[in-house]
Amino acid sequence: MRLEQAVGAVLRAGVTISSACMVIGLLVVLAGGEGDTARVLLHAGIIILLATPVARVVVSIVQYVTLRDWTFALLTAIVLVELAASAIAALVFNRRL
């Protein structure tokens, strides 16, 4: 599978699943259903949406390694490390005391 096709498939899947979770969660809220179920669905939708770009970077790394394009594999791995570092920094520095 070409890189563009793999990345496109990951992005479509992430947005579709995220949207489905959020729509179902919203429908549960509007129907007056259980609050915990709706909350879990809405949170899952947001988390999946935020994880989609990270999955795209991981797929890119795998594709570049498969193609033995070590320069782009390394550069993309650096991007993944930067994404992880920013997420960790946000969690650590945003802690409420």
Protein backbone atom coordinates (compact mmCIF):
# COMPACT_ATOMS: atom_id res chain seq x y z
CA MET A 1 0.00 0.00 0.00
CA ARG A 2 1.35 3.40 -0.90
CA LEU A 3 2.10 5.89 1.86
CA GLU A 4 -0.64 8.32 0.80
CA GLN A 5 -3.24 5.54 0.74
CA ALA A 6 -2.20 4.22 4.17
CA VAL A 7 -2.23 7.69 5.73
CA GLY A 8 -5.56 8.49 4.10
CA ALA A 9 -7.08 5.27 5.42
CA VAL A 10 -5.87 6.02 8.97
CA LEU A 11 -7.19 9.58 8.87
CA ARG A 12 -10.58 8.51 7.46
CA ALA A 13 -10.93 5.73 10.02
CA GLY A 14 -9.99 8.00 12.92
CA VAL A 15 -12.37 10.78 11.94
CA THR A 16 -15.20 8.33 11.16
CA ILE A 17 -14.90 6.42 14.44
CA SER A 18 -14.49 9.62 16.43
CA SER A 19 -17.53 11.20 14.80
CA ALA A 20 -19.62 8.08 15.36
CA CYS A 21 -18.72 8.00 19.07
CA MET A 22 -19.56 11.68 19.50
CA VAL A 23 -22.85 11.46 17.56
CA ILE A 24 -23.97 8.40 19.51
CA GLY A 25 -22.95 10.05 22.79
CA LEU A 26 -24.89 13.18 21.87
CA LEU A 27 -27.94 11.12 20.91
CA VAL A 28 -27.77 9.31 24.27
CA VAL A 29 -27.68 12.68 26.06
CA LEU A 30 -30.58 14.05 24.03
CA ALA A 31 -32.62 10.89 24.61
CA GLY A 32 -32.18 11.37 28.35
CA GLY A 33 -30.13 8.23 28.69
CA GLU A 34 -27.54 7.31 31.25
CA GLY A 35 -24.99 10.08 31.78
CA ASP A 36 -22.01 7.75 32.25
CA THR A 37 -22.54 6.03 28.91
CA ALA A 38 -22.78 9.34 27.09
CA ARG A 39 -19.73 10.70 28.89
CA VAL A 40 -17.64 7.64 27.96
CA LEU A 41 -18.71 7.89 24.32
CA LEU A 42 -18.00 11.61 24.10
CA HIS A 43 -14.60 11.24 25.77
CA ALA A 44 -13.74 8.29 23.52
CA GLY A 45 -14.62 10.37 20.47
CA ILE A 46 -12.36 13.21 21.55
CA ILE A 47 -9.48 10.89 22.48
CA ILE A 48 -9.73 9.05 19.15
CA LEU A 49 -9.76 12.36 17.30
CA LEU A 50 -6.64 13.51 19.16
CA ALA A 51 -4.90 10.15 18.60
CA THR A 52 -5.53 10.17 14.84
CA PRO A 53 -2.54 12.39 13.92
CA VAL A 54 -0.29 10.29 16.15
CA ALA A 55 -1.48 7.14 14.36
CA ARG A 56 -0.72 8.86 11.06
CA VAL A 57 2.87 9.48 12.16
CA VAL A 58 3.26 5.86 13.30
CA VAL A 59 1.94 4.57 9.96
CA SER A 60 4.36 6.88 8.17
CA ILE A 61 7.30 5.52 10.17
CA VAL A 62 6.31 1.94 9.35
CA GLN A 63 5.95 2.78 5.66
CA TYR A 64 9.31 4.57 5.50
CA VAL A 65 11.06 1.68 7.26
CA THR A 66 9.40 -0.77 4.86
CA LEU A 67 10.68 1.31 1.95
CA ARG A 68 14.11 1.51 3.65
CA ASP A 69 13.97 5.29 3.49
CA TRP A 70 15.99 5.78 6.65
CA THR A 71 16.20 9.58 6.44
CA PHE A 72 12.44 10.07 6.41
CA ALA A 73 11.95 7.27 8.94
CA LEU A 74 14.31 9.07 11.34
CA LEU A 75 12.75 12.49 10.73
CA THR A 76 9.25 11.08 11.25
CA ALA A 77 10.39 9.30 14.42
CA ILE A 78 11.66 12.65 15.70
CA VAL A 79 8.21 14.12 15.04
CA LEU A 80 6.68 11.25 17.05
CA VAL A 81 9.06 11.92 19.95
CA GLU A 82 8.15 15.61 19.84
CA LEU A 83 4.44 14.77 19.91
CA ALA A 84 4.97 12.48 22.89
CA ALA A 85 7.10 15.05 24.69
CA SER A 86 4.50 17.77 24.21
CA ALA A 87 1.72 15.49 25.50
CA ILE A 88 3.79 14.54 28.54
CA ALA A 89 4.73 18.17 29.19
CA ALA A 90 1.07 19.18 28.99
CA LEU A 91 0.14 16.52 31.52
CA VAL A 92 2.99 17.35 33.90
CA PHE A 93 2.82 21.15 33.76
CA ASN A 94 -0.97 21.33 33.71
CA ARG A 95 -1.40 19.38 36.96
CA ARG A 96 -3.62 21.04 39.49
CA LEU A 97 -2.15 21.09 42.98
